[in-house]
Protein backbone atom coordinates (compact mmCIF):
# COMPACT_ATOMS: atom_id res chain seq x y z
CA MET A 1 -27.81 14.75 -14.27
CA PHE A 2 -25.95 11.58 -13.29
CA LYS A 3 -22.78 10.55 -15.03
CA SER A 4 -22.55 7.44 -17.10
CA LEU A 5 -21.60 4.31 -15.17
CA TYR A 6 -19.64 1.33 -16.15
CA LEU A 7 -18.46 -2.17 -15.33
CA ALA A 8 -14.81 -2.25 -16.44
CA ALA A 9 -12.19 -4.86 -17.09
CA VAL A 10 -9.62 -6.36 -14.81
CA VAL A 11 -6.38 -4.59 -14.29
CA LEU A 12 -3.10 -5.51 -12.52
CA LEU A 13 -2.21 -3.63 -9.33
CA THR A 14 0.60 -3.94 -6.89
CA ALA A 15 -0.36 -5.18 -3.39
CA GLY A 16 2.84 -5.25 -1.30
CA PRO A 17 5.62 -7.09 -3.13
CA ALA A 18 3.25 -9.32 -5.09
CA LEU A 19 0.82 -8.62 -7.90
CA ALA A 20 -2.92 -9.15 -7.22
CA GLU A 21 -5.72 -8.87 -9.71
CA ALA A 22 -8.17 -6.02 -8.96
CA THR A 23 -11.51 -5.73 -10.63
CA VAL A 24 -12.63 -2.16 -11.59
CA LEU A 25 -16.30 -1.77 -10.56
CA ASN A 26 -16.51 1.85 -11.69
CA ASP A 27 -13.87 3.35 -13.91
CA ARG A 28 -14.95 6.94 -13.61
CA ALA A 29 -16.17 7.71 -10.11
CA LEU A 30 -15.93 11.34 -9.09
CA PHE A 31 -13.79 11.31 -5.91
CA PRO A 32 -15.20 8.09 -4.46
CA GLU A 33 -15.21 8.06 -0.67
CA GLY A 34 -16.84 6.66 2.56
CA PRO A 35 -17.88 3.12 1.39
CA LEU A 36 -20.29 0.84 3.21
CA LEU A 37 -21.30 -2.83 2.50
CA VAL A 38 -24.88 -3.69 3.21
CA ASP A 39 -26.25 -7.18 2.24
CA GLY A 40 -23.74 -7.55 -0.56
CA ARG A 41 -24.34 -4.11 -1.91
CA LEU A 42 -21.57 -1.58 -1.94
CA PHE A 43 -22.63 2.02 -1.12
CA TYR A 44 -20.17 4.82 -1.73
CA ALA A 45 -20.15 8.58 -1.82
CA GLU A 46 -18.97 10.43 -4.86
CA TYR A 47 -17.87 13.74 -3.37
CA ALA A 48 -17.46 15.66 -6.68
CA GLY A 49 -20.67 14.15 -8.11
CA HIS A 50 -22.78 15.10 -5.09
CA VAL A 51 -24.31 11.61 -5.20
CA VAL A 52 -24.34 8.38 -3.27
CA THR A 53 -23.94 5.38 -5.57
CA VAL A 54 -24.62 1.67 -5.12
CA TRP A 55 -22.80 -1.22 -6.79
CA ASP A 56 -25.33 -4.01 -6.73
CA GLY A 57 -23.03 -6.70 -8.15
CA THR A 58 -23.93 -5.87 -11.72
CA ALA A 59 -24.05 -2.06 -12.18
CA ASN A 60 -23.57 1.19 -10.43
CA VAL A 61 -26.89 2.89 -9.66
CA PRO A 62 -27.52 6.36 -8.22
CA PHE A 63 -29.10 6.00 -4.74
CA TRP A 64 -29.36 9.58 -3.38
CA GLY A 65 -28.11 12.98 -4.41
CA GLN A 66 -28.21 16.57 -3.24
CA GLY A 67 -26.72 19.50 -5.17
CA GLY A 68 -23.88 21.11 -3.30
CA CYS A 69 -23.61 18.45 -0.66
CA GLY A 70 -20.20 17.02 -1.36
CA PRO A 71 -20.87 13.70 0.24
CA SER A 72 -17.93 11.88 1.84
CA ALA A 73 -19.33 9.00 3.80
CA VAL A 74 -22.38 6.67 4.10
CA VAL A 75 -22.95 5.56 7.70
CA PRO A 76 -25.66 3.11 8.93
CA VAL A 77 -27.99 4.43 11.65
CA ALA A 78 -31.30 3.36 13.04
CA ALA A 79 -33.27 5.61 10.65
CA GLY A 80 -31.30 4.38 7.59
CA TYR A 81 -28.09 6.10 6.64
CA ALA A 82 -26.32 9.26 7.75
CA ILE A 83 -24.55 11.14 4.96
CA THR A 84 -21.74 13.54 5.73
CA CYS A 85 -22.01 16.62 3.44
CA TYR A 86 -18.59 18.21 3.51
CA ASP A 87 -19.40 21.09 1.11
CA SER A 88 -22.81 22.12 2.53
CA ALA A 89 -21.68 21.67 6.19
CA GLN A 90 -24.45 19.25 6.98
CA ILE A 91 -25.19 15.80 8.15
CA VAL A 92 -28.20 14.40 6.26
CA VAL A 93 -30.07 11.33 7.50
CA ILE A 94 -32.00 9.40 4.83
CA SER A 95 -34.16 6.24 4.98
CA ASP A 96 -32.99 2.91 3.67
CA ILE A 97 -34.81 3.74 0.36
CA GLY A 98 -33.07 7.18 0.02
CA GLN A 99 -35.84 9.48 1.32
CA LEU A 100 -34.87 12.48 3.49
CA VAL A 101 -35.43 11.99 7.17
CA GLN A 102 -33.60 14.91 8.86
CA THR A 103 -30.88 17.48 8.12
CA TYR A 104 -28.47 18.81 10.73
CA ASP A 105 -26.57 22.14 10.38
CA ALA A 106 -25.36 22.36 13.97
CA ASP A 107 -24.95 20.28 17.05
CA ALA A 108 -27.21 20.41 20.08
CA GLY A 109 -25.29 23.38 21.44
CA GLY A 110 -25.79 25.36 18.28
CA LEU A 111 -22.15 24.93 17.02
CA PRO A 112 -22.08 24.78 13.16
CA LEU A 113 -20.87 21.61 11.47
CA THR A 114 -17.63 22.49 9.68
CA GLY A 115 -16.38 19.82 7.22
CA PRO A 116 -18.49 16.75 8.01
CA ASN A 117 -16.21 13.94 6.76
CA ASP A 118 -16.55 10.39 7.93
CA GLY A 119 -18.43 8.15 10.40
CA THR A 120 -18.83 4.81 12.12
CA PRO A 121 -21.86 3.24 13.81
CA ASP A 122 -21.96 3.09 17.64
CA GLY A 123 -23.73 -0.27 17.79
CA GLN A 124 -26.84 1.24 19.34
CA GLY A 125 -28.51 2.77 16.25
CA GLY A 126 -26.44 5.93 16.41
CA ALA A 127 -23.00 6.92 15.07
CA TRP A 128 -19.88 8.93 15.66
CA LEU A 129 -19.03 11.35 12.86
CA THR A 130 -15.93 13.48 12.28
CA LEU A 131 -15.99 17.22 11.50
CA SER A 132 -12.67 18.01 9.94
CA GLY A 133 -12.91 21.78 9.83
CA PRO A 134 -11.62 23.60 6.76
CA TRP A 135 -9.22 21.88 4.35
CA ASP A 136 -6.32 23.84 5.66
CA SER A 137 -3.22 22.72 7.61
CA GLY A 138 -3.44 25.80 9.96
CA PRO A 139 -6.45 25.62 12.27
CA ILE A 140 -6.75 22.77 14.78
CA VAL A 141 -10.55 22.83 14.97
CA GLY A 142 -11.58 19.18 14.09
CA ARG A 143 -14.27 17.55 16.20
CA VAL A 144 -16.08 14.33 16.73
CA VAL A 145 -19.83 14.39 17.19
CA HIS A 146 -22.17 11.70 18.34
CA LEU A 147 -25.53 11.16 16.69
CA ALA A 148 -27.65 9.20 19.16
CA ALA A 149 -30.41 6.87 18.11
CA ASP A 150 -32.95 9.40 19.43
CA GLY A 151 -31.57 12.01 16.95
CA ARG A 152 -29.62 14.12 19.46
CA LEU A 153 -26.29 15.37 17.92
CA THR A 154 -23.61 16.34 20.46
CA THR A 155 -19.93 17.25 20.28
CA VAL A 156 -17.83 14.61 22.17
CA ALA A 157 -14.25 15.60 21.19
CA ASP A 158 -12.57 18.69 19.81
CA ASP A 159 -9.15 20.21 19.04
CA LEU A 160 -8.33 17.52 16.44
CA HIS A 161 -6.00 18.36 13.60
CA TYR A 162 -8.39 17.63 10.73
CA ALA A 163 -10.49 14.73 12.14
CA ASN A 164 -11.07 12.20 9.37
CA GLY A 165 -11.44 8.45 9.26
CA ILE A 166 -13.00 6.87 12.30
CA ALA A 167 -13.57 3.30 13.51
CA VAL A 168 -14.37 1.22 16.60
CA GLY A 169 -11.54 -1.12 17.56
CA ALA A 170 -11.75 -4.69 18.81
CA ASP A 171 -10.80 -3.28 22.23
CA GLY A 172 -13.97 -1.09 22.27
CA ARG A 173 -12.05 2.19 21.94
CA LEU A 174 -12.86 4.75 19.22
CA TYR A 175 -9.93 5.39 16.77
CA VAL A 176 -9.75 8.66 14.71
CA ASN A 177 -7.36 9.77 12.03
CA GLU A 178 -5.86 13.26 12.48
CA SER A 179 -4.94 13.76 8.84
CA GLU A 180 -2.96 17.00 9.17
CA ALA A 181 -0.93 15.53 12.11
CA GLY A 182 -0.25 12.29 10.17
CA ARG A 183 -1.38 10.12 13.05
CA VAL A 184 -4.13 8.00 14.48
CA ILE A 185 -5.49 8.54 18.04
CA SER A 186 -7.95 6.71 20.21
CA PHE A 187 -10.54 7.38 22.93
CA ALA A 188 -12.29 5.44 25.65
CA VAL A 189 -16.03 5.30 25.01
CA ALA A 190 -18.73 5.70 27.69
CA ALA A 191 -22.20 4.15 27.58
CA ASP A 192 -23.74 7.45 26.49
CA GLY A 193 -21.33 7.80 23.47
CA SER A 194 -19.11 10.33 25.18
CA LEU A 195 -15.34 10.09 24.87
CA SER A 196 -12.37 10.35 27.23
CA ASP A 197 -8.76 9.22 27.74
CA ARG A 198 -7.41 10.48 24.40
CA ARG A 199 -4.20 8.57 23.41
CA LEU A 200 -1.79 8.40 20.45
CA PHE A 201 -2.15 5.08 18.55
CA VAL A 202 0.40 5.41 15.77
CA ARG A 203 2.19 8.04 13.69
CA LEU A 204 2.39 7.12 10.02
CA THR A 205 6.12 8.05 9.90
CA ALA A 206 6.69 5.15 12.39
CA LEU A 207 5.30 2.85 9.68
CA GLY A 208 7.80 3.99 7.08
CA GLU A 209 5.71 6.69 5.46
CA GLY A 210 7.17 10.14 4.66
CA PRO A 211 6.50 13.33 6.63
CA GLY A 212 3.74 14.28 4.16
CA ALA A 213 1.65 11.14 4.95
CA TYR A 214 -2.03 11.96 5.13
CA PRO A 215 -4.19 9.33 6.71
CA ASP A 216 -7.75 9.57 5.38
CA GLY A 217 -10.11 6.57 5.78
CA LEU A 218 -9.93 4.08 8.65
CA LYS A 219 -11.57 0.68 8.90
CA ALA A 220 -11.27 -2.20 11.30
CA ALA A 221 -9.25 -5.18 10.04
CA PRO A 222 -9.08 -8.87 11.15
CA GLY A 223 -7.16 -9.57 14.32
CA GLY A 224 -8.08 -6.28 16.00
CA GLY A 225 -6.06 -4.11 13.63
CA PHE A 226 -6.94 -1.46 11.01
CA PHE A 227 -6.74 -0.46 7.39
CA ILE A 228 -5.51 3.09 6.91
CA GLY A 229 -6.19 4.65 3.56
CA GLN A 230 -3.96 7.55 2.47
CA TYR A 231 -4.87 10.63 0.49
CA SER A 232 -1.19 11.34 0.18
CA SER A 233 -0.59 8.19 -1.85
CA GLY A 234 -2.34 5.18 -3.35
CA ARG A 235 -1.16 2.99 -0.47
CA ILE A 236 -3.34 1.39 2.16
CA LEU A 237 -1.52 0.43 5.30
CA GLN A 238 -2.63 -2.66 7.28
CA VAL A 239 -1.63 -2.41 10.93
CA ALA A 240 -2.00 -4.78 13.87
CA ALA A 241 -3.79 -4.02 17.18
CA ASP A 242 -0.49 -2.74 18.63
CA GLY A 243 0.02 -0.33 15.69
CA SER A 244 2.81 -2.40 13.95
CA LEU A 245 2.78 -2.60 10.19
CA LEU A 246 1.45 -5.87 8.76
CA ALA A 247 1.18 -5.12 5.03
CA THR A 248 1.02 -2.35 2.47
CA HIS A 249 -1.60 -2.63 -0.25
CA ASP A 250 -0.92 -0.41 -3.29
CA SER A 251 -3.92 0.60 -5.35
CA GLY A 252 -1.91 1.96 -8.25
CA ALA A 253 -3.79 5.26 -7.97
CA THR A 254 -2.66 8.71 -6.92
CA ALA A 255 -4.64 8.52 -3.68
CA ALA A 256 -6.55 5.76 -1.85
CA PRO A 257 -8.68 7.80 0.63
CA ASN A 258 -10.99 4.99 1.76
CA MET A 259 -11.87 1.33 1.67
CA VAL A 260 -14.07 -1.37 3.18
CA LEU A 261 -13.48 -5.05 3.74
CA SER A 262 -15.84 -7.75 2.41
CA ALA A 263 -17.82 -9.80 4.80
CA ASP A 264 -15.60 -12.87 4.12
CA GLY A 265 -12.42 -10.84 4.54
CA ALA A 266 -11.17 -11.86 1.11
CA THR A 267 -11.69 -8.58 -0.80
CA LEU A 268 -10.84 -4.97 -0.07
CA PHE A 269 -13.07 -2.54 -1.88
CA VAL A 270 -10.87 0.51 -2.56
CA MET A 271 -11.98 4.05 -3.28
CA ALA A 272 -9.14 5.24 -5.66
CA VAL A 273 -8.61 8.88 -6.83
CA ASP A 274 -6.44 9.30 -9.96
CA ASN A 275 -6.88 13.04 -10.35
CA THR A 276 -6.13 14.94 -7.14
CA ALA A 277 -5.34 18.18 -9.01
CA GLY A 278 -8.90 19.55 -9.08
CA PRO A 279 -12.58 18.93 -9.91
CA PRO A 280 -14.08 16.53 -10.84
CA TYR A 281 -11.36 14.41 -9.11
CA GLU A 282 -11.86 11.43 -11.38
CA GLY A 283 -11.19 8.01 -9.82
CA ARG A 284 -12.19 4.38 -9.71
CA VAL A 285 -13.85 1.90 -7.44
CA LEU A 286 -11.76 -1.24 -7.13
CA ALA A 287 -12.30 -4.77 -5.68
CA MET A 288 -8.80 -5.94 -4.63
CA PRO A 289 -8.35 -9.51 -3.49
CA LEU A 290 -6.32 -9.98 -0.31
CA ASP A 291 -3.82 -12.85 0.06
């Protein structure tokens, strides 16, 4: 049931004003999203393929799959990995060898999980995960939930305009993309994982992007800043801790929804989508050197 997987050749892509060589690790990934690096292995979700795939340095290997899941992120937790299943409205926890541990359909208060999308570890064996709500610009029903190490899942923020990428900053605050609002916000974090003190971090229009800018993935960057992947374009914005623009990395694709930085900070692994018109949302997984 799994698609053919490839190691492809090297292509030229634009990164800011200069050209950088990017290696294609998978030349037909079906809406690649939510990457994670573990001991040199690159895990990534293929939303349209309903599978989590691993690049082991030589080949792409299916790791876990569930029909109808629509996975969008792989997040490390104490039990193994939490997988956000956007289509089936679930958060699935699997072991480090891909075996099912637990499935969540609702938070501890019984509220259903609508649009599970992305996540980031809390440093204590748990994670914060975003619930975007429906893929619709109208309702402002996005949430952030906290999955504690003991397995309890609670809502810690709501009223977000399509909550999406999420990351912990060097300042200890939790940063979240509001895709439909074209902005990144932040929260203060308490010891129990609860959130408060919601603040605006940056609007993408202030970084030179157009009014349709759609921030998707969010990852911490060196120096306390962030990488912001865009579904509205193939550009990844690199911003400083104060929100100012440091660089723009162009993947050459239609969309660059997510990415992850290598341990040595020299390579950005980019999830690129070339076909955003409809299923199966063909794309590529790229390894882009950073200057």
